[in-house]
Amino acid sequence: IEKIILDFQHEGKDITHDQIINAYESDGKLLFVDFCMQELEASKSTIVYTYYKTTKYQLEKLDKYHPGLTIQQITFDFLQKYKYYLVEKGNEPNTMKSDFVMIRKFLKYCHQKRTH
């Protein structure tokens, strides 16, 4: 747990009890939805409210499908299964496209943050 706290401090992230527990339960791997929510909240004052609200809903939908999802678990196979799940739930093609654009955007952003 100390290593997790030190990692959060080193990255300059706010630390909450839930984040520590989630990181501990996922072997210290970064949880994708947590990362996205942190970045979304950090940019809340600079983005349009409807975009914020839509993105938050998309992240909640993804978290409902796979709670505790790590970045390492997002594979082509995972994305295919998520697509089938969205179809089963009655999502329209444009809605699904928007969901996957959001996932791609945050994956790209996460990769950029890790390499800098």
C-alpha atoms as a PDB file:
ATOM      1  CA  ILE A   1       0.000   0.000   0.000  1.00  0.00           C
ATOM      2  CA  GLU A   2       2.896   2.359   0.733  1.00  0.00           C
ATOM      3  CA  LYS A   3       4.202   1.838  -2.805  1.00  0.00           C
ATOM      4  CA  ILE A   4       0.798   2.700  -4.250  1.00  0.00           C
ATOM      5  CA  ILE A   5       0.634   5.897  -2.179  1.00  0.00           C
ATOM      6  CA  LEU A   6       4.177   6.836  -3.210  1.00  0.00           C
ATOM      7  CA  ASP A   7       3.326   6.198  -6.871  1.00  0.00           C
ATOM      8  CA  PHE A   8       0.289   8.469  -6.628  1.00  0.00           C
ATOM      9  CA  GLN A   9       2.337  11.166  -4.908  1.00  0.00           C
ATOM     10  CA  HIS A  10       5.120  10.852  -7.464  1.00  0.00           C
ATOM     11  CA  GLU A  11       2.584  11.319 -10.272  1.00  0.00           C
ATOM     12  CA  GLY A  12       1.117  14.346  -8.475  1.00  0.00           C
ATOM     13  CA  LYS A  13      -2.330  12.769  -8.197  1.00  0.00           C
ATOM     14  CA  ASP A  14      -4.877  13.393  -5.495  1.00  0.00           C
ATOM     15  CA  ILE A  15      -5.184  10.336  -3.284  1.00  0.00           C
ATOM     16  CA  THR A  16      -8.477   8.983  -2.019  1.00  0.00           C
ATOM     17  CA  HIS A  17      -9.173   5.886   0.016  1.00  0.00           C
ATOM     18  CA  ASP A  18     -11.136   4.331  -2.861  1.00  0.00           C
ATOM     19  CA  GLN A  19      -8.262   4.907  -5.294  1.00  0.00           C
ATOM     20  CA  ILE A  20      -5.812   3.181  -2.969  1.00  0.00           C
ATOM     21  CA  ILE A  21      -8.139   0.209  -2.502  1.00  0.00           C
ATOM     22  CA  ASN A  22      -8.773  -0.063  -6.257  1.00  0.00           C
ATOM     23  CA  ALA A  23      -5.060   0.127  -7.036  1.00  0.00           C
ATOM     24  CA  TYR A  24      -4.311  -2.478  -4.357  1.00  0.00           C
ATOM     25  CA  GLU A  25      -6.994  -4.852  -5.617  1.00  0.00           C
ATOM     26  CA  SER A  26      -5.751  -4.496  -9.202  1.00  0.00           C
ATOM     27  CA  ASP A  27      -2.115  -5.237  -8.253  1.00  0.00           C
ATOM     28  CA  GLY A  28      -1.165  -1.574  -8.578  1.00  0.00           C
ATOM     29  CA  LYS A  29      -2.270  -1.416 -12.209  1.00  0.00           C
ATOM     30  CA  LEU A  30      -3.930   1.772 -13.306  1.00  0.00           C
ATOM     31  CA  LEU A  31      -7.687   1.393 -13.577  1.00  0.00           C
ATOM     32  CA  PHE A  32      -8.830   2.822 -16.880  1.00  0.00           C
ATOM     33  CA  VAL A  33     -12.103   4.390 -15.747  1.00  0.00           C
ATOM     34  CA  ASP A  34     -10.421   5.944 -12.697  1.00  0.00           C
ATOM     35  CA  PHE A  35      -7.752   7.497 -14.907  1.00  0.00           C
ATOM     36  CA  CYS A  36     -10.375   8.815 -17.320  1.00  0.00           C
ATOM     37  CA  MET A  37     -12.553  10.224 -14.550  1.00  0.00           C
ATOM     38  CA  GLN A  38      -9.556  12.001 -12.998  1.00  0.00           C
ATOM     39  CA  GLU A  39      -8.642  13.563 -16.331  1.00  0.00           C
ATOM     40  CA  LEU A  40     -12.256  14.469 -17.048  1.00  0.00           C
ATOM     41  CA  GLU A  41     -12.645  16.152 -13.659  1.00  0.00           C
ATOM     42  CA  ALA A  42      -9.340  17.994 -14.129  1.00  0.00           C
ATOM     43  CA  SER A  43     -10.548  19.433 -17.441  1.00  0.00           C
ATOM     44  CA  LYS A  44     -14.122  20.104 -16.332  1.00  0.00           C
ATOM     45  CA  SER A  45     -13.675  23.875 -16.231  1.00  0.00           C
ATOM     46  CA  THR A  46     -12.278  23.996 -19.772  1.00  0.00           C
ATOM     47  CA  ILE A  47     -14.805  21.799 -21.604  1.00  0.00           C
ATOM     48  CA  VAL A  48     -18.443  22.175 -22.574  1.00  0.00           C
ATOM     49  CA  TYR A  49     -20.805  20.814 -19.916  1.00  0.00           C
ATOM     50  CA  THR A  50     -22.675  18.537 -22.354  1.00  0.00           C
ATOM     51  CA  TYR A  51     -19.362  16.935 -23.391  1.00  0.00           C
ATOM     52  CA  TYR A  52     -18.463  16.440 -19.726  1.00  0.00           C
ATOM     53  CA  LYS A  53     -21.852  14.897 -18.961  1.00  0.00           C
ATOM     54  CA  THR A  54     -21.792  12.603 -22.023  1.00  0.00           C
ATOM     55  CA  THR A  55     -18.239  11.422 -21.358  1.00  0.00           C
ATOM     56  CA  LYS A  56     -19.011  10.748 -17.706  1.00  0.00           C
ATOM     57  CA  TYR A  57     -22.036   8.669 -18.749  1.00  0.00           C
ATOM     58  CA  GLN A  58     -19.918   6.725 -21.262  1.00  0.00           C
ATOM     59  CA  LEU A  59     -17.329   5.975 -18.572  1.00  0.00           C
ATOM     60  CA  GLU A  60     -20.025   4.852 -16.133  1.00  0.00           C
ATOM     61  CA  LYS A  61     -21.428   2.559 -18.823  1.00  0.00           C
ATOM     62  CA  LEU A  62     -17.973   1.055 -19.428  1.00  0.00           C
ATOM     63  CA  ASP A  63     -17.420   0.614 -15.689  1.00  0.00           C
ATOM     64  CA  LYS A  64     -20.778  -1.125 -15.355  1.00  0.00           C
ATOM     65  CA  TYR A  65     -19.769  -3.569 -18.089  1.00  0.00           C
ATOM     66  CA  HIS A  66     -16.335  -4.283 -16.584  1.00  0.00           C
ATOM     67  CA  PRO A  67     -15.696  -2.885 -13.090  1.00  0.00           C
ATOM     68  CA  GLY A  68     -11.995  -2.638 -12.263  1.00  0.00           C
ATOM     69  CA  LEU A  69     -10.908  -2.570 -15.913  1.00  0.00           C
ATOM     70  CA  THR A  70      -7.177  -1.950 -16.273  1.00  0.00           C
ATOM     71  CA  ILE A  71      -5.554  -0.401 -19.298  1.00  0.00           C
ATOM     72  CA  GLN A  72      -3.748  -3.685 -19.921  1.00  0.00           C
ATOM     73  CA  GLN A  73      -7.090  -5.484 -20.263  1.00  0.00           C
ATOM     74  CA  ILE A  74      -8.251  -3.305 -23.156  1.00  0.00           C
ATOM     75  CA  THR A  75      -7.534  -5.547 -26.111  1.00  0.00           C
ATOM     76  CA  PHE A  76      -9.139  -6.048 -29.496  1.00  0.00           C
ATOM     77  CA  ASP A  77     -11.029  -9.021 -28.054  1.00  0.00           C
ATOM     78  CA  PHE A  78     -12.259  -6.947 -25.107  1.00  0.00           C
ATOM     79  CA  LEU A  79     -13.444  -4.194 -27.457  1.00  0.00           C
ATOM     80  CA  GLN A  80     -15.313  -6.711 -29.618  1.00  0.00           C
ATOM     81  CA  LYS A  81     -17.082  -8.131 -26.568  1.00  0.00           C
ATOM     82  CA  TYR A  82     -17.921  -4.614 -25.352  1.00  0.00           C
ATOM     83  CA  LYS A  83     -19.389  -3.827 -28.775  1.00  0.00           C
ATOM     84  CA  TYR A  84     -21.638  -6.906 -28.588  1.00  0.00           C
ATOM     85  CA  TYR A  85     -22.681  -5.882 -25.074  1.00  0.00           C
ATOM     86  CA  LEU A  86     -23.620  -2.400 -26.314  1.00  0.00           C
ATOM     87  CA  VAL A  87     -25.628  -3.890 -29.191  1.00  0.00           C
ATOM     88  CA  GLU A  88     -27.472  -6.174 -26.760  1.00  0.00           C
ATOM     89  CA  LYS A  89     -28.290  -3.146 -24.604  1.00  0.00           C
ATOM     90  CA  GLY A  90     -29.885  -1.440 -27.612  1.00  0.00           C
ATOM     91  CA  ASN A  91     -27.237   1.199 -28.325  1.00  0.00           C
ATOM     92  CA  GLU A  92     -27.441   2.809 -31.760  1.00  0.00           C
ATOM     93  CA  PRO A  93     -24.417   2.693 -34.114  1.00  0.00           C
ATOM     94  CA  ASN A  94     -23.632   6.406 -33.634  1.00  0.00           C
ATOM     95  CA  THR A  95     -23.760   6.000 -29.864  1.00  0.00           C
ATOM     96  CA  MET A  96     -21.356   3.064 -30.024  1.00  0.00           C
ATOM     97  CA  LYS A  97     -19.050   4.990 -32.319  1.00  0.00           C
ATOM     98  CA  SER A  98     -18.995   7.836 -29.812  1.00  0.00           C
ATOM     99  CA  ASP A  99     -18.204   5.364 -26.990  1.00  0.00           C
ATOM    100  CA  PHE A 100     -15.264   3.924 -28.903  1.00  0.00           C
ATOM    101  CA  VAL A 101     -13.957   7.354 -29.895  1.00  0.00           C
ATOM    102  CA  MET A 102     -13.938   8.241 -26.193  1.00  0.00           C
ATOM    103  CA  ILE A 103     -12.048   5.041 -25.314  1.00  0.00           C
ATOM    104  CA  ARG A 104      -9.495   5.668 -28.065  1.00  0.00           C
ATOM    105  CA  LYS A 105      -9.020   9.285 -26.976  1.00  0.00           C
ATOM    106  CA  PHE A 106      -8.315   8.356 -23.368  1.00  0.00           C
ATOM    107  CA  LEU A 107      -6.057   5.435 -24.332  1.00  0.00           C
ATOM    108  CA  LYS A 108      -4.015   7.758 -26.513  1.00  0.00           C
ATOM    109  CA  TYR A 109      -3.882  10.380 -23.762  1.00  0.00           C
ATOM    110  CA  CYS A 110      -2.830   7.800 -21.185  1.00  0.00           C
ATOM    111  CA  HIS A 111      -0.051   6.580 -23.470  1.00  0.00           C
ATOM    112  CA  GLN A 112       1.149  10.157 -23.958  1.00  0.00           C
ATOM    113  CA  LYS A 113       1.204  10.774 -20.197  1.00  0.00           C
ATOM    114  CA  ARG A 114       3.174   7.580 -19.576  1.00  0.00           C
ATOM    115  CA  THR A 115       5.812   8.404 -22.183  1.00  0.00           C
ATOM    116  CA  HIS A 116       6.427  11.965 -20.960  1.00  0.00           C
END
